[in-house]
Protein backbone atom coordinates (compact mmCIF):
# COMPACT_ATOMS: atom_id res chain seq x y z
CA MET A 1 18.29 -6.68 -19.41
CA GLN A 2 21.22 -4.98 -17.66
CA ARG A 3 18.81 -2.88 -15.56
CA TYR A 4 17.02 -6.06 -14.65
CA ALA A 5 20.29 -7.63 -13.52
CA ARG A 6 21.28 -4.50 -11.59
CA LEU A 7 17.97 -4.40 -9.75
CA ALA A 8 18.20 -8.11 -8.87
CA SER A 9 21.80 -7.54 -7.69
CA LEU A 10 20.69 -4.61 -5.56
CA VAL A 11 17.87 -6.58 -3.93
CA PHE A 12 20.21 -9.52 -3.32
CA GLY A 13 22.89 -7.26 -1.85
CA ILE A 14 20.47 -5.50 0.49
CA MET A 15 19.10 -8.84 1.67
CA MET A 16 22.58 -10.14 2.42
CA LEU A 17 23.56 -6.92 4.25
CA VAL A 18 20.43 -7.10 6.42
CA LEU A 19 21.09 -10.77 7.09
CA SER A 20 24.72 -10.03 8.00
CA ALA A 21 23.60 -7.29 10.41
CA ALA A 22 21.05 -9.63 12.00
CA VAL A 23 23.65 -12.39 12.47
CA THR A 24 26.08 -9.85 13.94
CA VAL A 25 23.49 -8.52 16.40
CA GLU A 26 22.48 -12.09 17.31
CA THR A 27 26.12 -13.03 17.96
CA ILE A 28 26.87 -9.95 20.07
CA VAL A 29 23.65 -10.26 22.11
CA ARG A 30 24.33 -13.95 22.70
CA LYS A 31 27.94 -13.32 23.82
CA VAL A 32 27.27 -10.21 25.93
CA LEU A 33 23.83 -10.92 27.40
CA SER A 34 23.74 -14.73 27.09
CA VAL A 35 20.38 -14.40 25.32
CA SER A 36 19.47 -15.61 21.85
CA LEU A 37 17.11 -13.68 19.64
CA GLY A 38 16.15 -16.98 18.01
CA GLY A 39 15.09 -17.46 14.44
CA ILE A 40 18.10 -15.92 12.70
CA ASP A 41 18.85 -19.31 11.16
CA GLU A 42 15.27 -19.38 9.87
CA LEU A 43 15.71 -15.91 8.42
CA SER A 44 18.96 -17.05 6.79
CA GLY A 45 17.19 -19.93 5.07
CA TYR A 46 14.54 -17.60 3.69
CA ALA A 47 17.20 -15.16 2.47
CA ILE A 48 19.05 -17.93 0.65
CA ALA A 49 15.83 -19.27 -0.90
CA VAL A 50 14.96 -15.82 -2.25
CA GLY A 51 18.53 -14.76 -3.02
CA ALA A 52 19.55 -17.82 -5.03
CA PRO A 53 17.11 -17.30 -7.93
CA LEU A 54 18.03 -13.60 -8.01
CA ALA A 55 21.70 -14.56 -8.24
CA PHE A 56 20.83 -17.08 -10.97
CA ALA A 57 19.12 -14.32 -12.97
CA VAL A 58 22.08 -11.94 -12.62
CA THR A 59 24.53 -14.68 -13.58
CA LEU A 60 22.44 -15.63 -16.59
CA ILE A 61 22.01 -12.07 -17.86
CA ASP A 62 25.68 -11.15 -17.31
CA GLN A 63 26.77 -14.51 -18.77
CA SER A 64 29.06 -15.00 -15.81
CA HIS A 65 28.19 -18.64 -15.27
CA ILE A 66 31.03 -21.09 -15.58
CA ARG A 67 31.40 -22.74 -18.94
CA ILE A 68 34.45 -24.73 -19.85
CA ASN A 69 35.32 -23.60 -23.34
CA LEU A 70 38.57 -25.43 -24.00
CA LEU A 71 37.04 -27.47 -26.83
CA HIS A 72 34.36 -24.91 -27.63
CA MET A 73 36.92 -22.41 -28.95
CA ARG A 74 38.37 -24.97 -31.37
CA MET A 75 35.06 -26.09 -32.90
CA PRO A 76 33.56 -24.83 -36.16
CA LYS A 77 31.28 -21.80 -35.81
CA ALA A 78 28.12 -23.81 -36.51
CA ALA A 79 28.99 -26.36 -33.82
CA GLN A 80 29.75 -23.54 -31.36
CA ALA A 81 26.39 -21.98 -32.17
CA CYS A 82 24.56 -25.27 -31.59
CA LEU A 83 26.28 -25.75 -28.23
CA ASN A 84 25.52 -22.16 -27.24
CA ALA A 85 21.87 -22.69 -28.14
CA LEU A 86 21.82 -25.96 -26.22
CA ALA A 87 23.22 -24.19 -23.15
CA ALA A 88 20.59 -21.42 -23.33
CA ILE A 89 17.76 -23.90 -23.92
CA SER A 90 18.96 -26.09 -21.03
CA LEU A 91 19.02 -23.14 -18.65
CA GLY A 92 15.56 -22.09 -19.81
CA ALA A 93 14.25 -25.61 -19.23
CA LEU A 94 15.85 -25.72 -15.78
CA ALA A 95 14.29 -22.38 -14.88
CA LEU A 96 10.84 -23.60 -15.95
CA PHE A 97 11.28 -26.84 -14.02
CA LEU A 98 12.28 -24.93 -10.88
CA LEU A 99 9.37 -22.55 -11.35
CA ILE A 100 6.88 -25.43 -11.65
CA PHE A 101 8.37 -27.06 -8.54
CA THR A 102 8.10 -23.76 -6.65
CA VAL A 103 4.49 -23.21 -7.73
CA ASP A 104 3.58 -26.75 -6.62
CA THR A 105 5.26 -26.19 -3.27
CA VAL A 106 3.46 -22.88 -2.69
CA ILE A 107 0.12 -24.45 -3.62
CA ASP A 108 0.69 -27.31 -1.17
CA THR A 109 1.79 -24.87 1.53
CA GLN A 110 -1.39 -22.85 1.04
CA ALA A 111 -3.60 -25.94 1.02
CA TYR A 112 -2.10 -27.36 4.23
CA ARG A 113 -1.56 -23.97 5.90
CA SER A 114 1.98 -25.08 6.68
CA ILE A 115 4.04 -23.34 9.33
CA ALA A 116 7.76 -23.48 10.03
CA GLN A 117 8.84 -25.85 12.78
CA THR A 118 10.88 -23.10 14.42
CA PRO A 119 10.45 -20.75 17.40
CA TRP A 120 8.81 -18.16 15.14
CA ALA A 121 6.30 -20.67 13.70
CA THR A 122 6.16 -18.58 10.53
CA PRO A 123 3.30 -19.35 8.15
CA LEU A 124 5.35 -20.63 5.23
CA ILE A 125 3.12 -19.03 2.62
CA TYR A 126 4.85 -15.67 3.23
CA PRO A 127 8.50 -16.63 2.64
CA GLN A 128 7.52 -19.10 -0.06
CA SER A 129 5.58 -16.39 -1.90
CA LEU A 130 8.76 -14.31 -1.97
CA TRP A 131 10.64 -17.39 -3.17
CA LEU A 132 8.07 -17.79 -5.95
CA VAL A 133 8.48 -14.15 -7.03
CA ALA A 134 12.27 -14.59 -7.11
CA MET A 135 11.92 -17.78 -9.13
CA ILE A 136 9.67 -15.96 -11.62
CA LEU A 137 12.35 -13.26 -11.89
CA PHE A 138 14.83 -15.99 -12.86
CA ALA A 139 12.45 -17.84 -15.20
CA ILE A 140 11.52 -14.75 -17.24
CA PRO A 141 14.99 -13.96 -18.63
CA ALA A 142 15.93 -17.65 -18.83
CA THR A 143 12.95 -18.55 -21.02
CA TRP A 144 13.27 -15.34 -23.03
CA LEU A 145 16.93 -16.10 -23.80
CA ALA A 146 16.09 -19.75 -24.56
CA ALA A 147 13.39 -18.63 -27.00
CA ARG A 148 15.83 -16.19 -28.59
CA ALA A 149 18.38 -19.00 -28.98
CA VAL A 150 15.75 -21.27 -30.58
CA ILE A 151 14.78 -18.55 -33.06
CA LEU A 152 18.42 -17.92 -34.01
CA LEU A 153 19.09 -21.66 -34.24
CA ALA A 154 16.05 -22.22 -36.45
CA GLY A 155 17.23 -19.38 -38.71
CA ARG A 156 20.74 -20.88 -38.79
CA LYS A 157 22.15 -17.52 -37.67
CA TRP A 158 25.41 -18.90 -36.30
CA GLY A 159 27.13 -15.54 -36.00
CA ALA A 160 24.33 -13.98 -33.97
CA LEU A 161 24.07 -17.06 -31.76
CA ASN A 162 27.80 -16.97 -31.07
CA ARG A 163 27.82 -13.22 -30.43
CA GLU A 164 24.93 -13.38 -27.99
CA PHE A 165 25.53 -16.70 -26.23
CA SER A 166 29.24 -17.62 -26.45
CA PRO A 167 31.30 -17.73 -23.28
CA GLU A 168 34.05 -15.15 -23.05
CA THR A 169 37.41 -16.19 -24.40
CA PRO A 170 40.52 -15.73 -22.23
CA GLU A 171 41.40 -12.76 -24.46
CA ASP A 172 37.98 -11.15 -23.78
CA GLU A 173 38.43 -11.64 -20.04
CA LEU A 174 41.92 -10.13 -20.13
CA LYS A 175 40.68 -7.15 -22.12
CA ALA A 176 37.82 -6.58 -19.65
CA GLU A 177 40.22 -6.78 -16.69
CA LEU A 178 42.63 -4.30 -18.27
CA GLN A 179 39.78 -1.87 -19.01
CA ASP A 180 38.58 -2.25 -15.43
CA MET A 181 42.07 -1.52 -14.11
CA LYS A 182 42.29 1.64 -16.26
CA ARG A 183 38.87 2.75 -15.02
CA ARG A 184 39.96 2.38 -11.40
């Protein structure tokens, strides 16, 4: 799973660097030559549509999403495990919902042969196909982790559920930061 997250991070990072370079070139050309390349805003929208699900996947795998654990830490282990399972199942359900929405959108785009209402008049099937692939790359780990949480919940394996799905405690975060400082 960590390789999966690294690859998604790499793709996301490259996309954002290319987008940043394009915006920089557009800005310089517009200021110096008073000419616009046009379409950079369209390209930005496509990059965000593809990049967001990749970022969701990385966040999910690295468990770096925000969870407020003030009460969570004080609950009994079984209650913590149930909440952790609920969080994983909810994210899996959200990923499936977004995937279904994306598939429906791509099917409609193909059926109507939709094009962007921009200077480039891009056939939307191309960027939306990339969006669909990115959404699949989010849905795969989300549903896999949700299924894993359901299996552990059904087996009443509270310890395993808490180990695999609990948010980091402040002590864990401090320890990770100190190790990172030593490494640097």
